[in-house]
Amino acid sequence: MPEKSPTTEILLARELVLYQRERSSIWQCRYKVDGKWQRATTKERDLEKAKRKALDLKVVAEIRKRDNLPVITRKFRDVAIHN
């Protein structure tokens, strides 16, 4: 396993990771929903606030998945109604 970068925080092992990109002070997160990794920004510069936001993002994604709603809505096909 590769060594953890100093700008990476593991919140839930193999489920939720918080990290900063190379030239950014904003924290990003990766989380796993239904076996697939998703990524999102926390829009936070403070680590503690970013941790809370990342956990919230994962919980909301899990709820959306449970309710058969799209977890990520970046693309039109994710929200388009299928007939």
PDB file of N, CA and C in Angstrom:
ATOM      1  N   MET A   1       0.842  -1.174   0.000  1.00  0.00           N
ATOM      2  CA  MET A   1       0.000   0.000   0.000  1.00  0.00           C
ATOM      3  C   MET A   1       0.889   1.239   0.000  1.00  0.00           C
ATOM      4  N   PRO A   2       0.582   2.220  -0.857  1.00  0.00           N
ATOM      5  CA  PRO A   2       1.405   3.429  -0.897  1.00  0.00           C
ATOM      6  C   PRO A   2       1.277   4.231   0.389  1.00  0.00           C
ATOM      7  N   GLU A   3       2.319   5.009   0.677  1.00  0.00           N
ATOM      8  CA  GLU A   3       2.311   5.837   1.874  1.00  0.00           C
ATOM      9  C   GLU A   3       1.311   6.974   1.722  1.00  0.00           C
ATOM     10  N   LYS A   4       0.701   7.344   2.827  1.00  0.00           N
ATOM     11  CA  LYS A   4      -0.292   8.408   2.845  1.00  0.00           C
ATOM     12  C   LYS A   4       0.399   9.762   2.719  1.00  0.00           C
ATOM     13  N   SER A   5      -0.143  10.596   1.873  1.00  0.00           N
ATOM     14  CA  SER A   5       0.365  11.953   1.692  1.00  0.00           C
ATOM     15  C   SER A   5       0.022  12.793   2.926  1.00  0.00           C
ATOM     16  N   PRO A   6       0.827  13.803   3.245  1.00  0.00           N
ATOM     17  CA  PRO A   6       0.509  14.652   4.397  1.00  0.00           C
ATOM     18  C   PRO A   6      -0.785  15.452   4.207  1.00  0.00           C
ATOM     19  N   THR A   7      -1.254  15.576   2.965  1.00  0.00           N
ATOM     20  CA  THR A   7      -2.500  16.300   2.711  1.00  0.00           C
ATOM     21  C   THR A   7      -3.676  15.345   2.528  1.00  0.00           C
ATOM     22  N   THR A   8      -3.574  14.142   3.078  1.00  0.00           N
ATOM     23  CA  THR A   8      -4.637  13.149   2.988  1.00  0.00           C
ATOM     24  C   THR A   8      -5.059  12.714   4.381  1.00  0.00           C
ATOM     25  N   GLU A   9      -6.357  12.660   4.595  1.00  0.00           N
ATOM     26  CA  GLU A   9      -6.927  12.198   5.856  1.00  0.00           C
ATOM     27  C   GLU A   9      -7.898  11.065   5.546  1.00  0.00           C
ATOM     28  N   ILE A  10      -7.712   9.919   6.175  1.00  0.00           N
ATOM     29  CA  ILE A  10      -8.628   8.800   5.993  1.00  0.00           C
ATOM     30  C   ILE A  10      -9.651   8.860   7.126  1.00  0.00           C
ATOM     31  N   LEU A  11     -10.912   9.105   6.757  1.00  0.00           N
ATOM     32  CA  LEU A  11     -11.957   9.227   7.766  1.00  0.00           C
ATOM     33  C   LEU A  11     -12.616   7.883   8.054  1.00  0.00           C
ATOM     34  N   LEU A  12     -12.911   7.119   7.019  1.00  0.00           N
ATOM     35  CA  LEU A  12     -13.447   5.771   7.156  1.00  0.00           C
ATOM     36  C   LEU A  12     -12.633   4.866   6.236  1.00  0.00           C
ATOM     37  N   ALA A  13     -11.992   3.871   6.785  1.00  0.00           N
ATOM     38  CA  ALA A  13     -11.107   3.009   5.994  1.00  0.00           C
ATOM     39  C   ALA A  13     -11.859   2.408   4.802  1.00  0.00           C
ATOM     40  N   ARG A  14     -11.291   2.596   3.620  1.00  0.00           N
ATOM     41  CA  ARG A  14     -11.827   2.092   2.362  1.00  0.00           C
ATOM     42  C   ARG A  14     -13.225   2.600   2.039  1.00  0.00           C
ATOM     43  N   GLU A  15     -13.640   3.695   2.672  1.00  0.00           N
ATOM     44  CA  GLU A  15     -14.978   4.243   2.442  1.00  0.00           C
ATOM     45  C   GLU A  15     -14.984   5.756   2.220  1.00  0.00           C
ATOM     46  N   LEU A  16     -14.143   6.494   2.970  1.00  0.00           N
ATOM     47  CA  LEU A  16     -14.169   7.950   2.895  1.00  0.00           C
ATOM     48  C   LEU A  16     -12.770   8.514   3.106  1.00  0.00           C
ATOM     49  N   VAL A  17     -12.301   9.277   2.117  1.00  0.00           N
ATOM     50  CA  VAL A  17     -10.953   9.861   2.153  1.00  0.00           C
ATOM     51  C   VAL A  17     -11.075  11.359   1.880  1.00  0.00           C
ATOM     52  N   LEU A  18     -10.367  12.133   2.659  1.00  0.00           N
ATOM     53  CA  LEU A  18     -10.322  13.581   2.509  1.00  0.00           C
ATOM     54  C   LEU A  18      -8.913  13.944   2.034  1.00  0.00           C
ATOM     55  N   TYR A  19      -8.812  14.824   1.050  1.00  0.00           N
ATOM     56  CA  TYR A  19      -7.494  15.177   0.518  1.00  0.00           C
ATOM     57  C   TYR A  19      -7.501  16.581  -0.062  1.00  0.00           C
ATOM     58  N   GLN A  20      -6.284  17.127  -0.210  1.00  0.00           N
ATOM     59  CA  GLN A  20      -6.107  18.419  -0.870  1.00  0.00           C
ATOM     60  C   GLN A  20      -5.335  18.196  -2.151  1.00  0.00           C
ATOM     61  N   ARG A  21      -5.741  18.898  -3.179  1.00  0.00           N
ATOM     62  CA  ARG A  21      -5.006  18.841  -4.442  1.00  0.00           C
ATOM     63  C   ARG A  21      -3.730  19.662  -4.308  1.00  0.00           C
ATOM     64  N   GLU A  22      -2.834  19.475  -5.253  1.00  0.00           N
ATOM     65  CA  GLU A  22      -1.491  20.050  -5.177  1.00  0.00           C
ATOM     66  C   GLU A  22      -1.458  21.564  -4.967  1.00  0.00           C
ATOM     67  N   ARG A  23      -2.217  22.311  -5.744  1.00  0.00           N
ATOM     68  CA  ARG A  23      -2.164  23.774  -5.651  1.00  0.00           C
ATOM     69  C   ARG A  23      -3.478  24.357  -5.129  1.00  0.00           C
ATOM     70  N   SER A  24      -4.077  23.689  -4.165  1.00  0.00           N
ATOM     71  CA  SER A  24      -5.363  24.149  -3.642  1.00  0.00           C
ATOM     72  C   SER A  24      -5.389  24.050  -2.125  1.00  0.00           C
ATOM     73  N   SER A  25      -6.102  24.965  -1.505  1.00  0.00           N
ATOM     74  CA  SER A  25      -6.260  24.893  -0.057  1.00  0.00           C
ATOM     75  C   SER A  25      -7.637  24.328   0.314  1.00  0.00           C
ATOM     76  N   ILE A  26      -8.450  24.042  -0.689  1.00  0.00           N
ATOM     77  CA  ILE A  26      -9.790  23.481  -0.479  1.00  0.00           C
ATOM     78  C   ILE A  26      -9.688  21.962  -0.345  1.00  0.00           C
ATOM     79  N   TRP A  27     -10.405  21.400   0.627  1.00  0.00           N
ATOM     80  CA  TRP A  27     -10.407  19.954   0.836  1.00  0.00           C
ATOM     81  C   TRP A  27     -11.412  19.270  -0.085  1.00  0.00           C
ATOM     82  N   GLN A  28     -10.990  18.187  -0.698  1.00  0.00           N
ATOM     83  CA  GLN A  28     -11.818  17.355  -1.563  1.00  0.00           C
ATOM     84  C   GLN A  28     -12.078  16.042  -0.828  1.00  0.00           C
ATOM     85  N   CYS A  29     -13.075  15.289  -1.268  1.00  0.00           N
ATOM     86  CA  CYS A  29     -13.292  13.977  -0.652  1.00  0.00           C
ATOM     87  C   CYS A  29     -13.634  12.945  -1.712  1.00  0.00           C
ATOM     88  N   ARG A  30     -13.306  11.711  -1.376  1.00  0.00           N
ATOM     89  CA  ARG A  30     -13.693  10.535  -2.167  1.00  0.00           C
ATOM     90  C   ARG A  30     -14.460   9.630  -1.228  1.00  0.00           C
ATOM     91  N   TYR A  31     -15.584   9.124  -1.693  1.00  0.00           N
ATOM     92  CA  TYR A  31     -16.354   8.210  -0.860  1.00  0.00           C
ATOM     93  C   TYR A  31     -16.947   7.114  -1.736  1.00  0.00           C
ATOM     94  N   LYS A  32     -17.187   5.977  -1.119  1.00  0.00           N
ATOM     95  CA  LYS A  32     -17.684   4.823  -1.848  1.00  0.00           C
ATOM     96  C   LYS A  32     -19.171   4.644  -1.557  1.00  0.00           C
ATOM     97  N   VAL A  33     -19.951   4.551  -2.638  1.00  0.00           N
ATOM     98  CA  VAL A  33     -21.383   4.285  -2.542  1.00  0.00           C
ATOM     99  C   VAL A  33     -21.691   3.158  -3.521  1.00  0.00           C
ATOM    100  N   ASP A  34     -22.288   2.098  -3.008  1.00  0.00           N
ATOM    101  CA  ASP A  34     -22.658   0.956  -3.840  1.00  0.00           C
ATOM    102  C   ASP A  34     -21.446   0.382  -4.582  1.00  0.00           C
ATOM    103  N   GLY A  35     -20.295   0.393  -3.922  1.00  0.00           N
ATOM    104  CA  GLY A  35     -19.086  -0.194  -4.494  1.00  0.00           C
ATOM    105  C   GLY A  35     -18.356   0.682  -5.497  1.00  0.00           C
ATOM    106  N   LYS A  36     -18.839   1.911  -5.735  1.00  0.00           N
ATOM    107  CA  LYS A  36     -18.197   2.806  -6.696  1.00  0.00           C
ATOM    108  C   LYS A  36     -17.715   4.050  -5.972  1.00  0.00           C
ATOM    109  N   TRP A  37     -16.510   4.494  -6.322  1.00  0.00           N
ATOM    110  CA  TRP A  37     -15.951   5.706  -5.728  1.00  0.00           C
ATOM    111  C   TRP A  37     -16.557   6.927  -6.400  1.00  0.00           C
ATOM    112  N   GLN A  38     -16.961   7.876  -5.582  1.00  0.00           N
ATOM    113  CA  GLN A  38     -17.459   9.165  -6.049  1.00  0.00           C
ATOM    114  C   GLN A  38     -16.529  10.226  -5.475  1.00  0.00           C
ATOM    115  N   ARG A  39     -16.503  11.392  -6.097  1.00  0.00           N
ATOM    116  CA  ARG A  39     -15.678  12.466  -5.559  1.00  0.00           C
ATOM    117  C   ARG A  39     -16.484  13.758  -5.527  1.00  0.00           C
ATOM    118  N   ALA A  40     -16.140  14.594  -4.564  1.00  0.00           N
ATOM    119  CA  ALA A  40     -16.838  15.863  -4.398  1.00  0.00           C
ATOM    120  C   ALA A  40     -15.945  16.828  -3.637  1.00  0.00           C
ATOM    121  N   THR A  41     -16.275  18.083  -3.725  1.00  0.00           N
ATOM    122  CA  THR A  41     -15.548  19.090  -2.964  1.00  0.00           C
ATOM    123  C   THR A  41     -16.304  19.386  -1.679  1.00  0.00           C
ATOM    124  N   THR A  42     -15.574  19.671  -0.635  1.00  0.00           N
ATOM    125  CA  THR A  42     -16.210  20.070   0.616  1.00  0.00           C
ATOM    126  C   THR A  42     -16.410  21.584   0.646  1.00  0.00           C
ATOM    127  N   LYS A  43     -15.699  22.302  -0.206  1.00  0.00           N
ATOM    128  CA  LYS A  43     -15.711  23.770  -0.259  1.00  0.00           C
ATOM    129  C   LYS A  43     -15.222  24.385   1.048  1.00  0.00           C
ATOM    130  N   GLU A  44     -14.404  23.654   1.764  1.00  0.00           N
ATOM    131  CA  GLU A  44     -13.898  24.111   3.062  1.00  0.00           C
ATOM    132  C   GLU A  44     -12.374  24.185   3.051  1.00  0.00           C
ATOM    133  N   ARG A  45     -11.830  25.166   3.748  1.00  0.00           N
ATOM    134  CA  ARG A  45     -10.380  25.276   3.919  1.00  0.00           C
ATOM    135  C   ARG A  45      -9.949  24.729   5.280  1.00  0.00           C
ATOM    136  N   ASP A  46     -10.848  24.773   6.248  1.00  0.00           N
ATOM    137  CA  ASP A  46     -10.579  24.295   7.594  1.00  0.00           C
ATOM    138  C   ASP A  46     -10.783  22.770   7.632  1.00  0.00           C
ATOM    139  N   LEU A  47      -9.801  22.041   8.173  1.00  0.00           N
ATOM    140  CA  LEU A  47      -9.839  20.579   8.179  1.00  0.00           C
ATOM    141  C   LEU A  47     -11.028  20.031   8.966  1.00  0.00           C
ATOM    142  N   GLU A  48     -11.309  20.577  10.121  1.00  0.00           N
ATOM    143  CA  GLU A  48     -12.416  20.060  10.943  1.00  0.00           C
ATOM    144  C   GLU A  48     -13.771  20.268  10.259  1.00  0.00           C
ATOM    145  N   LYS A  49     -13.951  21.439   9.656  1.00  0.00           N
ATOM    146  CA  LYS A  49     -15.193  21.690   8.920  1.00  0.00           C
ATOM    147  C   LYS A  49     -15.295  20.766   7.710  1.00  0.00           C
ATOM    148  N   ALA A  50     -14.163  20.530   7.052  1.00  0.00           N
ATOM    149  CA  ALA A  50     -14.142  19.654   5.877  1.00  0.00           C
ATOM    150  C   ALA A  50     -14.483  18.215   6.263  1.00  0.00           C
ATOM    151  N   LYS A  51     -14.013  17.770   7.424  1.00  0.00           N
ATOM    152  CA  LYS A  51     -14.335  16.412   7.881  1.00  0.00           C
ATOM    153  C   LYS A  51     -15.837  16.255   8.083  1.00  0.00           C
ATOM    154  N   ARG A  52     -16.450  17.241   8.737  1.00  0.00           N
ATOM    155  CA  ARG A  52     -17.909  17.179   8.959  1.00  0.00           C
ATOM    156  C   ARG A  52     -18.672  17.194   7.634  1.00  0.00           C
ATOM    157  N   LYS A  53     -18.228  18.053   6.723  1.00  0.00           N
ATOM    158  CA  LYS A  53     -18.895  18.170   5.418  1.00  0.00           C
ATOM    159  C   LYS A  53     -18.754  16.873   4.623  1.00  0.00           C
ATOM    160  N   ALA A  54     -17.574  16.253   4.654  1.00  0.00           N
ATOM    161  CA  ALA A  54     -17.348  15.003   3.925  1.00  0.00           C
ATOM    162  C   ALA A  54     -18.248  13.889   4.462  1.00  0.00           C
ATOM    163  N   LEU A  55     -18.371  13.807   5.769  1.00  0.00           N
ATOM    164  CA  LEU A  55     -19.270  12.809   6.360  1.00  0.00           C
ATOM    165  C   LEU A  55     -20.709  13.072   5.948  1.00  0.00           C
ATOM    166  N   ASP A  56     -21.117  14.338   5.930  1.00  0.00           N
ATOM    167  CA  ASP A  56     -22.465  14.694   5.493  1.00  0.00           C
ATOM    168  C   ASP A  56     -22.701  14.297   4.034  1.00  0.00           C
ATOM    169  N   LEU A  57     -21.714  14.550   3.174  1.00  0.00           N
ATOM    170  CA  LEU A  57     -21.835  14.196   1.762  1.00  0.00           C
ATOM    171  C   LEU A  57     -22.032  12.697   1.580  1.00  0.00           C
ATOM    172  N   LYS A  58     -21.285  11.912   2.346  1.00  0.00           N
ATOM    173  CA  LYS A  58     -21.414  10.452   2.244  1.00  0.00           C
ATOM    174  C   LYS A  58     -22.783   9.988   2.729  1.00  0.00           C
ATOM    175  N   VAL A  59     -23.246  10.540   3.841  1.00  0.00           N
ATOM    176  CA  VAL A  59     -24.558  10.153   4.378  1.00  0.00           C
ATOM    177  C   VAL A  59     -25.670  10.495   3.382  1.00  0.00           C
ATOM    178  N   VAL A  60     -25.622  11.690   2.813  1.00  0.00           N
ATOM    179  CA  VAL A  60     -26.631  12.099   1.835  1.00  0.00           C
ATOM    180  C   VAL A  60     -26.592  11.178   0.618  1.00  0.00           C
ATOM    181  N   ALA A  61     -25.404  10.816   0.159  1.00  0.00           N
ATOM    182  CA  ALA A  61     -25.276   9.916  -0.986  1.00  0.00           C
ATOM    183  C   ALA A  61     -25.873   8.540  -0.671  1.00  0.00           C
ATOM    184  N   GLU A  62     -25.637   8.046   0.527  1.00  0.00           N
ATOM    185  CA  GLU A  62     -26.202   6.753   0.932  1.00  0.00           C
ATOM    186  C   GLU A  62     -27.730   6.819   0.974  1.00  0.00           C
ATOM    187  N   ILE A  63     -28.269   7.913   1.468  1.00  0.00           N
ATOM    188  CA  ILE A  63     -29.725   8.083   1.519  1.00  0.00           C
ATOM    189  C   ILE A  63     -30.306   8.156   0.113  1.00  0.00           C
ATOM    190  N   ARG A  64     -29.645   8.911  -0.759  1.00  0.00           N
ATOM    191  CA  ARG A  64     -30.116   9.009  -2.144  1.00  0.00           C
ATOM    192  C   ARG A  64     -30.096   7.647  -2.822  1.00  0.00           C
ATOM    193  N   LYS A  65     -29.050   6.873  -2.590  1.00  0.00           N
ATOM    194  CA  LYS A  65     -28.959   5.530  -3.182  1.00  0.00           C
ATOM    195  C   LYS A  65     -30.087   4.650  -2.656  1.00  0.00           C
ATOM    196  N   ARG A  66     -30.344   4.700  -1.346  1.00  0.00           N
ATOM    197  CA  ARG A  66     -31.403   3.893  -0.733  1.00  0.00           C
ATOM    198  C   ARG A  66     -32.772   4.247  -1.323  1.00  0.00           C
ATOM    199  N   ASP A  67     -32.986   5.536  -1.629  1.00  0.00           N
ATOM    200  CA  ASP A  67     -34.263   5.998  -2.160  1.00  0.00           C
ATOM    201  C   ASP A  67     -34.345   5.919  -3.685  1.00  0.00           C
ATOM    202  N   ASN A  68     -33.391   5.250  -4.311  1.00  0.00           N
ATOM    203  CA  ASN A  68     -33.331   5.089  -5.778  1.00  0.00           C
ATOM    204  C   ASN A  68     -33.267   6.422  -6.517  1.00  0.00           C
ATOM    205  N   LEU A  69     -32.547   7.371  -5.960  1.00  0.00           N
ATOM    206  CA  LEU A  69     -32.288   8.647  -6.608  1.00  0.00           C
ATOM    207  C   LEU A  69     -30.845   8.655  -7.083  1.00  0.00           C
ATOM    208  N   PRO A  70     -30.525   9.465  -8.089  1.00  0.00           N
ATOM    209  CA  PRO A  70     -29.128   9.523  -8.531  1.00  0.00           C
ATOM    210  C   PRO A  70     -28.223  10.072  -7.435  1.00  0.00           C
ATOM    211  N   VAL A  71     -27.104   9.387  -7.219  1.00  0.00           N
ATOM    212  CA  VAL A  71     -26.150   9.806  -6.188  1.00  0.00           C
ATOM    213  C   VAL A  71     -25.403  11.048  -6.648  1.00  0.00           C
ATOM    214  N   ILE A  72     -24.947  11.034  -7.886  1.00  0.00           N
ATOM    215  CA  ILE A  72     -24.221  12.150  -8.485  1.00  0.00           C
ATOM    216  C   ILE A  72     -25.028  12.660  -9.669  1.00  0.00           C
ATOM    217  N   THR A  73     -25.174  13.960  -9.780  1.00  0.00           N
ATOM    218  CA  THR A  73     -26.002  14.522 -10.844  1.00  0.00           C
ATOM    219  C   THR A  73     -25.188  15.461 -11.744  1.00  0.00           C
ATOM    220  N   ARG A  74     -23.988  15.066 -12.073  1.00  0.00           N
ATOM    221  CA  ARG A  74     -23.146  15.900 -12.932  1.00  0.00           C
ATOM    222  C   ARG A  74     -23.573  15.828 -14.390  1.00  0.00           C
ATOM    223  N   LYS A  75     -24.196  14.717 -14.766  1.00  0.00           N
ATOM    224  CA  LYS A  75     -24.545  14.509 -16.167  1.00  0.00           C
ATOM    225  C   LYS A  75     -26.067  14.458 -16.327  1.00  0.00           C
ATOM    226  N   PHE A  76     -26.536  14.902 -17.480  1.00  0.00           N
ATOM    227  CA  PHE A  76     -27.968  14.917 -17.750  1.00  0.00           C
ATOM    228  C   PHE A  76     -28.567  13.525 -17.647  1.00  0.00           C
ATOM    229  N   ARG A  77     -27.869  12.518 -18.142  1.00  0.00           N
ATOM    230  CA  ARG A  77     -28.419  11.166 -18.142  1.00  0.00           C
ATOM    231  C   ARG A  77     -28.676  10.642 -16.713  1.00  0.00           C
ATOM    232  N   ASP A  78     -27.974  11.193 -15.728  1.00  0.00           N
ATOM    233  CA  ASP A  78     -28.192  10.767 -14.352  1.00  0.00           C
ATOM    234  C   ASP A  78     -29.534  11.228 -13.798  1.00  0.00           C
ATOM    235  N   VAL A  79     -30.058  12.342 -14.329  1.00  0.00           N
ATOM    236  CA  VAL A  79     -31.310  12.873 -13.799  1.00  0.00           C
ATOM    237  C   VAL A  79     -32.465  12.770 -14.784  1.00  0.00           C
ATOM    238  N   ALA A  80     -32.191  12.377 -16.032  1.00  0.00           N
ATOM    239  CA  ALA A  80     -33.240  12.252 -17.039  1.00  0.00           C
ATOM    240  C   ALA A  80     -34.182  11.119 -16.677  1.00  0.00           C
ATOM    241  N   ILE A  81     -35.455  11.316 -16.925  1.00  0.00           N
ATOM    242  CA  ILE A  81     -36.458  10.291 -16.655  1.00  0.00           C
ATOM    243  C   ILE A  81     -36.456   9.297 -17.810  1.00  0.00           C
ATOM    244  N   HIS A  82     -36.355   8.029 -17.449  1.00  0.00           N
ATOM    245  CA  HIS A  82     -36.371   6.965 -18.461  1.00  0.00           C
ATOM    246  C   HIS A  82     -37.792   6.457 -18.616  1.00  0.00           C
ATOM    247  N   ASN A  83     -38.260   6.381 -19.861  1.00  0.00           N
ATOM    248  CA  ASN A  83     -39.619   5.852 -20.133  1.00  0.00           C
ATOM    249  C   ASN A  83     -39.559   4.391 -20.427  1.00  0.00           C
TER     250      ASN A  83
END
